[in-house]
PDB file of N, CA and C in Angstrom:
ATOM      1  N   MET A   1      -2.894  14.310 170.215  1.00  0.00           N
ATOM      2  CA  MET A   1      -3.793  14.913 169.365  1.00  0.00           C
ATOM      3  C   MET A   1      -5.038  14.836 169.362  1.00  0.00           C
ATOM      4  N   VAL A   2      -5.838  13.491 169.687  1.00  0.00           N
ATOM      5  CA  VAL A   2      -7.056  13.271 169.918  1.00  0.00           C
ATOM      6  C   VAL A   2      -7.602  14.602 170.699  1.00  0.00           C
ATOM      7  N   GLN A   3      -6.948  14.396 172.134  1.00  0.00           N
ATOM      8  CA  GLN A   3      -7.389  15.599 173.051  1.00  0.00           C
ATOM      9  C   GLN A   3      -7.355  16.815 172.805  1.00  0.00           C
ATOM     10  N   GLN A   4      -6.529  17.240 172.296  1.00  0.00           N
ATOM     11  CA  GLN A   4      -6.633  18.673 171.479  1.00  0.00           C
ATOM     12  C   GLN A   4      -7.543  19.043 170.466  1.00  0.00           C
ATOM     13  N   LEU A   5      -8.400  17.962 169.937  1.00  0.00           N
ATOM     14  CA  LEU A   5      -9.134  18.277 169.013  1.00  0.00           C
ATOM     15  C   LEU A   5     -10.421  18.413 169.604  1.00  0.00           C
ATOM     16  N   ILE A   6     -10.917  17.442 170.807  1.00  0.00           N
ATOM     17  CA  ILE A   6     -11.887  17.361 171.582  1.00  0.00           C
ATOM     18  C   ILE A   6     -12.256  19.145 171.994  1.00  0.00           C
ATOM     19  N   ILE A   7     -10.788  19.476 173.044  1.00  0.00           N
ATOM     20  CA  ILE A   7     -10.674  20.356 173.271  1.00  0.00           C
ATOM     21  C   ILE A   7     -11.082  21.715 172.177  1.00  0.00           C
ATOM     22  N   GLY A   8     -10.417  21.560 171.246  1.00  0.00           N
ATOM     23  CA  GLY A   8     -11.051  22.564 170.073  1.00  0.00           C
ATOM     24  C   GLY A   8     -12.220  22.534 169.863  1.00  0.00           C
ATOM     25  N   LEU A   9     -13.060  21.334 169.527  1.00  0.00           N
ATOM     26  CA  LEU A   9     -14.428  21.279 168.909  1.00  0.00           C
ATOM     27  C   LEU A   9     -15.352  21.868 170.304  1.00  0.00           C
ATOM     28  N   ILE A  10     -14.520  21.749 171.693  1.00  0.00           N
ATOM     29  CA  ILE A  10     -15.845  22.387 172.838  1.00  0.00           C
ATOM     30  C   ILE A  10     -15.447  23.687 172.901  1.00  0.00           C
ATOM     31  N   PHE A  11     -14.451  24.173 172.197  1.00  0.00           N
ATOM     32  CA  PHE A  11     -14.058  25.771 172.537  1.00  0.00           C
ATOM     33  C   PHE A  11     -15.174  26.498 171.257  1.00  0.00           C
ATOM     34  N   LEU A  12     -14.824  25.449 169.964  1.00  0.00           N
ATOM     35  CA  LEU A  12     -15.693  26.141 168.689  1.00  0.00           C
ATOM     36  C   LEU A  12     -17.315  26.041 169.103  1.00  0.00           C
ATOM     37  N   ALA A  13     -17.672  25.052 170.070  1.00  0.00           N
ATOM     38  CA  ALA A  13     -19.297  25.150 170.367  1.00  0.00           C
ATOM     39  C   ALA A  13     -19.575  26.389 171.454  1.00  0.00           C
ATOM     40  N   ALA A  14     -18.675  26.269 172.007  1.00  0.00           N
ATOM     41  CA  ALA A  14     -18.897  27.587 173.307  1.00  0.00           C
ATOM     42  C   ALA A  14     -18.712  28.666 172.486  1.00  0.00           C
ATOM     43  N   LEU A  15     -17.989  29.069 171.398  1.00  0.00           N
ATOM     44  CA  LEU A  15     -18.010  30.548 170.783  1.00  0.00           C
ATOM     45  C   LEU A  15     -19.286  30.412 170.037  1.00  0.00           C
ATOM     46  N   ALA A  16     -19.998  29.139 169.488  1.00  0.00           N
ATOM     47  CA  ALA A  16     -20.638  29.375 168.367  1.00  0.00           C
ATOM     48  C   ALA A  16     -22.107  29.933 169.171  1.00  0.00           C
ATOM     49  N   TYR A  17     -22.063  28.877 170.714  1.00  0.00           N
ATOM     50  CA  TYR A  17     -23.351  29.389 172.090  1.00  0.00           C
ATOM     51  C   TYR A  17     -23.301  30.811 172.185  1.00  0.00           C
ATOM     52  N   LEU A  18     -22.394  31.335 172.239  1.00  0.00           N
ATOM     53  CA  LEU A  18     -22.072  32.573 172.898  1.00  0.00           C
ATOM     54  C   LEU A  18     -22.045  33.510 171.313  1.00  0.00           C
ATOM     55  N   GLY A  19     -21.830  33.425 170.451  1.00  0.00           N
ATOM     56  CA  GLY A  19     -22.158  34.051 169.399  1.00  0.00           C
ATOM     57  C   GLY A  19     -23.786  33.930 168.872  1.00  0.00           C
ATOM     58  N   TRP A  20     -24.612  33.471 169.366  1.00  0.00           N
ATOM     59  CA  TRP A  20     -25.789  32.970 168.932  1.00  0.00           C
ATOM     60  C   TRP A  20     -26.537  33.872 170.134  1.00  0.00           C
ATOM     61  N   ARG A  21     -26.577  33.655 171.006  1.00  0.00           N
ATOM     62  CA  ARG A  21     -26.804  34.371 172.149  1.00  0.00           C
ATOM     63  C   ARG A  21     -26.811  36.140 171.980  1.00  0.00           C
ATOM     64  N   ALA A  22     -25.301  36.423 171.745  1.00  0.00           N
ATOM     65  CA  ALA A  22     -25.581  37.730 171.009  1.00  0.00           C
ATOM     66  C   ALA A  22     -26.369  38.310 169.998  1.00  0.00           C
ATOM     67  N   TRP A  23     -26.852  37.416 169.208  1.00  0.00           N
ATOM     68  CA  TRP A  23     -27.009  37.221 168.432  1.00  0.00           C
ATOM     69  C   TRP A  23     -28.623  38.044 168.137  1.00  0.00           C
ATOM     70  N   ASN A  24     -29.136  36.308 168.958  1.00  0.00           N
ATOM     71  CA  ASN A  24     -30.531  36.575 169.320  1.00  0.00           C
ATOM     72  C   ASN A  24     -30.798  37.913 170.123  1.00  0.00           C
ATOM     73  N   SER A  25     -29.550  38.164 170.872  1.00  0.00           N
ATOM     74  CA  SER A  25     -30.333  39.600 172.179  1.00  0.00           C
ATOM     75  C   SER A  25     -29.833  41.163 171.009  1.00  0.00           C
ATOM     76  N   LEU A  26     -29.313  41.300 170.009  1.00  0.00           N
ATOM     77  CA  LEU A  26     -29.098  42.498 169.315  1.00  0.00           C
ATOM     78  C   LEU A  26     -30.242  42.236 168.224  1.00  0.00           C
ATOM     79  N   PHE A  27     -30.752  41.560 167.943  1.00  0.00           N
ATOM     80  CA  PHE A  27     -31.731  41.146 166.334  1.00  0.00           C
ATOM     81  C   PHE A  27     -32.992  40.694 167.002  1.00  0.00           C
ATOM     82  N   ARG A  28     -33.674  40.787 168.218  1.00  0.00           N
ATOM     83  CA  ARG A  28     -34.599  40.227 168.380  1.00  0.00           C
ATOM     84  C   ARG A  28     -35.692  41.090 168.054  1.00  0.00           C
ATOM     85  N   LYS A  29     -36.795  40.580 167.261  1.00  0.00           N
ATOM     86  CA  LYS A  29     -38.125  41.102 166.972  1.00  0.00           C
ATOM     87  C   LYS A  29     -39.062  41.262 167.508  1.00  0.00           C
ATOM     88  N   GLU A  30     -39.209  40.690 168.877  1.00  0.00           N
ATOM     89  CA  GLU A  30     -40.430  40.870 169.933  1.00  0.00           C
ATOM     90  C   GLU A  30     -39.663  41.956 171.001  1.00  0.00           C
ATOM     91  N   ALA A  31     -40.166  42.405 172.137  1.00  0.00           N
ATOM     92  CA  ALA A  31     -39.806  43.215 172.876  1.00  0.00           C
ATOM     93  C   ALA A  31     -40.186  42.192 173.889  1.00  0.00           C
ATOM     94  N   GLY A  32     -39.305  42.053 174.934  1.00  0.00           N
ATOM     95  CA  GLY A  32     -39.485  40.999 175.963  1.00  0.00           C
ATOM     96  C   GLY A  32     -39.634  41.675 177.188  1.00  0.00           C
ATOM     97  N   CYS A  33     -39.244  40.869 178.318  1.00  0.00           N
ATOM     98  CA  CYS A  33     -39.352  41.325 179.519  1.00  0.00           C
ATOM     99  C   CYS A  33     -37.767  41.753 179.718  1.00  0.00           C
ATOM    100  N   SER A  34     -36.824  42.137 181.031  1.00  0.00           N
ATOM    101  CA  SER A  34     -36.078  43.039 180.984  1.00  0.00           C
ATOM    102  C   SER A  34     -34.920  41.797 181.554  1.00  0.00           C
ATOM    103  N   LYS A  35     -35.416  40.752 181.399  1.00  0.00           N
ATOM    104  CA  LYS A  35     -34.083  39.213 181.741  1.00  0.00           C
ATOM    105  C   LYS A  35     -33.681  39.022 180.451  1.00  0.00           C
ATOM    106  N   GLY A  36     -34.573  39.667 179.091  1.00  0.00           N
ATOM    107  CA  GLY A  36     -33.498  39.113 178.033  1.00  0.00           C
ATOM    108  C   GLY A  36     -33.743  37.473 177.535  1.00  0.00           C
ATOM    109  N   CYS A  37     -34.714  37.251 178.115  1.00  0.00           N
ATOM    110  CA  CYS A  37     -35.292  35.635 177.529  1.00  0.00           C
ATOM    111  C   CYS A  37     -36.008  35.574 176.010  1.00  0.00           C
ATOM    112  N   GLY A  38     -36.689  36.926 175.811  1.00  0.00           N
ATOM    113  CA  GLY A  38     -37.329  36.732 174.858  1.00  0.00           C
ATOM    114  C   GLY A  38     -39.141  36.577 175.393  1.00  0.00           C
ATOM    115  N   CYS A  39     -39.218  36.310 176.259  1.00  0.00           N
ATOM    116  CA  CYS A  39     -40.758  36.405 176.509  1.00  0.00           C
ATOM    117  C   CYS A  39     -41.305  37.424 176.836  1.00  0.00           C
ATOM    118  N   SER A  40     -42.669  37.513 176.488  1.00  0.00           N
ATOM    119  CA  SER A  40     -43.529  38.711 176.561  1.00  0.00           C
ATOM    120  C   SER A  40     -44.326  38.355 177.598  1.00  0.00           C
ATOM    121  N   ALA A  41     -44.469  38.894 178.863  1.00  0.00           N
ATOM    122  CA  ALA A  41     -45.489  38.620 179.763  1.00  0.00           C
ATOM    123  C   ALA A  41     -46.863  39.610 179.783  1.00  0.00           C
ATOM    124  N   ASP A  42     -46.901  40.172 178.773  1.00  0.00           N
ATOM    125  CA  ASP A  42     -48.356  40.850 178.413  1.00  0.00           C
ATOM    126  C   ASP A  42     -48.901  39.939 177.505  1.00  0.00           C
ATOM    127  N   SER A  43     -48.473  39.693 176.856  1.00  0.00           N
ATOM    128  CA  SER A  43     -48.832  38.596 175.867  1.00  0.00           C
ATOM    129  C   SER A  43     -49.299  36.900 176.212  1.00  0.00           C
ATOM    130  N   LYS A  44     -48.980  36.966 177.252  1.00  0.00           N
ATOM    131  CA  LYS A  44     -49.284  35.752 177.966  1.00  0.00           C
ATOM    132  C   LYS A  44     -50.466  35.505 178.865  1.00  0.00           C
ATOM    133  N   LEU A  45     -50.789  36.712 178.811  1.00  0.00           N
ATOM    134  CA  LEU A  45     -52.029  37.005 180.147  1.00  0.00           C
ATOM    135  C   LEU A  45     -53.254  36.015 179.473  1.00  0.00           C
ATOM    136  N   THR A  46     -54.714  35.354 180.033  1.00  0.00           N
ATOM    137  CA  THR A  46     -55.315  34.504 179.402  1.00  0.00           C
ATOM    138  C   THR A  46     -56.493  35.937 179.842  1.00  0.00           C
ATOM    139  N   SER A  47     -57.606  35.843 179.033  1.00  0.00           N
ATOM    140  CA  SER A  47     -58.563  36.672 179.359  1.00  0.00           C
ATOM    141  C   SER A  47     -58.999  36.554 180.609  1.00  0.00           C
ATOM    142  N   ALA A  48     -59.155  35.078 181.172  1.00  0.00           N
ATOM    143  CA  ALA A  48     -60.017  35.302 182.749  1.00  0.00           C
ATOM    144  C   ALA A  48     -58.667  35.733 184.040  1.00  0.00           C
ATOM    145  N   ASN A  49     -57.539  36.282 183.488  1.00  0.00           N
ATOM    146  CA  ASN A  49     -56.691  36.507 184.798  1.00  0.00           C
ATOM    147  C   ASN A  49     -55.626  37.676 183.788  1.00  0.00           C
ATOM    148  N   LYS A  50     -56.487  38.695 183.404  1.00  0.00           N
ATOM    149  CA  LYS A  50     -55.499  40.021 183.287  1.00  0.00           C
ATOM    150  C   LYS A  50     -55.047  40.896 184.296  1.00  0.00           C
ATOM    151  N   SER A  51     -54.915  40.289 185.235  1.00  0.00           N
ATOM    152  CA  SER A  51     -54.261  40.811 186.917  1.00  0.00           C
ATOM    153  C   SER A  51     -52.281  40.991 186.426  1.00  0.00           C
ATOM    154  N   GLY A  52     -52.562  39.477 186.109  1.00  0.00           N
ATOM    155  CA  GLY A  52     -50.944  39.228 185.839  1.00  0.00           C
ATOM    156  C   GLY A  52     -50.538  38.452 187.240  1.00  0.00           C
ATOM    157  N   ARG A  53     -51.616  38.155 187.842  1.00  0.00           N
ATOM    158  CA  ARG A  53     -51.095  37.450 189.164  1.00  0.00           C
ATOM    159  C   ARG A  53     -51.284  36.203 188.828  1.00  0.00           C
ATOM    160  N   LEU A  54     -50.864  35.448 190.043  1.00  0.00           N
ATOM    161  CA  LEU A  54     -50.764  34.197 189.933  1.00  0.00           C
ATOM    162  C   LEU A  54     -51.905  33.418 190.717  1.00  0.00           C
ATOM    163  N   PRO A  55     -52.548  32.627 190.183  1.00  0.00           N
ATOM    164  CA  PRO A  55     -53.462  32.232 190.992  1.00  0.00           C
ATOM    165  C   PRO A  55     -53.347  31.560 192.501  1.00  0.00           C
ATOM    166  N   VAL A  56     -54.006  31.719 193.604  1.00  0.00           N
ATOM    167  CA  VAL A  56     -53.579  31.167 194.941  1.00  0.00           C
ATOM    168  C   VAL A  56     -54.515  30.110 195.053  1.00  0.00           C
ATOM    169  N   ASN A  57     -54.025  28.729 195.185  1.00  0.00           N
ATOM    170  CA  ASN A  57     -54.662  27.819 195.822  1.00  0.00           C
ATOM    171  C   ASN A  57     -54.830  27.701 197.545  1.00  0.00           C
TER     172      ASN A  57
END
């Protein structure tokens, strides 16, 4: 009985996670990169590095 309860809780947690990811991808307010992570590459550029290139050391 306890094992079934644990499996059920894991299953519900997985469904909640998938639902949260779907909700965020469908109703996201900011435009992001094509990966769907919600980041915006243009807004993260600093004034010193407007080319978008990484610094080379």
